[in-house]
């Protein structure tokens, strides 16, 4: 065995001995097998997890990249290359790259955060960074939202996680809050009865977690404000919102209640 080793070390190809080249090939083959085994283990772990497909792909690609960098450093060291300088070069290159793609990396890790924590999912109606609409899809770098007028807004994930997220679809019930004005000349109970009549006319209004509420909210310069609060199923929110606005005007007209507006009364004393 020693004789074979000595013979191989005497045979040279360029500046490298045949023994060194064979050891490098062996290291490469062993590394290839080890990487495949590690990636299979990673795949099993990821498949068993509930992570999004995009996150799984990113984790696998990152692990694979890191493993190959380690193999390259080992082979470079075997070839006699100063790996200290190589590692320093990779560190500098990594720092320069991270600075140049800082915004991209922020969006990437924000995307991973959204996909793992799931503050919203596709199909939810949300408000993100001032934009409201239905979530179309969530990707690693952007979240796509379809507005009510059918525009698609692509919001960088860094802005999504850095701003307030309002998810209107996470709960199965929502409360409709409306404010109506009536004249000082109309009795308070008459106005409240009219508002309750408008509420009772809509079968989509529910009585859980609380029954509809009508109350006197504020005394304004030219009118009295009344608040209406009624619970509905989340999917009925906007239909009830607009329908109730129309029904209140209709009931007010039927009962002779004045829906006032801002005005100024001038009294002349002679």
Foldseek 3Di string as FASTA:
>chain_A
DVVVVVVQQVDDDPPHGNNLVVVLVVLVVVLVVVLVVVLVVLVVVVVPDPFDPQVSVVVSVVVSVVSVVVSVLVSCVSVVHDSVVVVVVVVVVVVVVCVVCVLQVLLQVLLRVCRVVVPDAAQWFKAFLNDTAGFHHRHRFWTWGQHPVGDIDTHGSNRRVVDDMGTLQPDFKDKAKDKFWFFPVDDPVVLVVLLVVLVVVDPQWDQPPHAKDKDFDDDDPGTTMIMIITMGTSVCHVVCNVSSVVSSVVSCVVSVIDRDDDDDDDDDDD
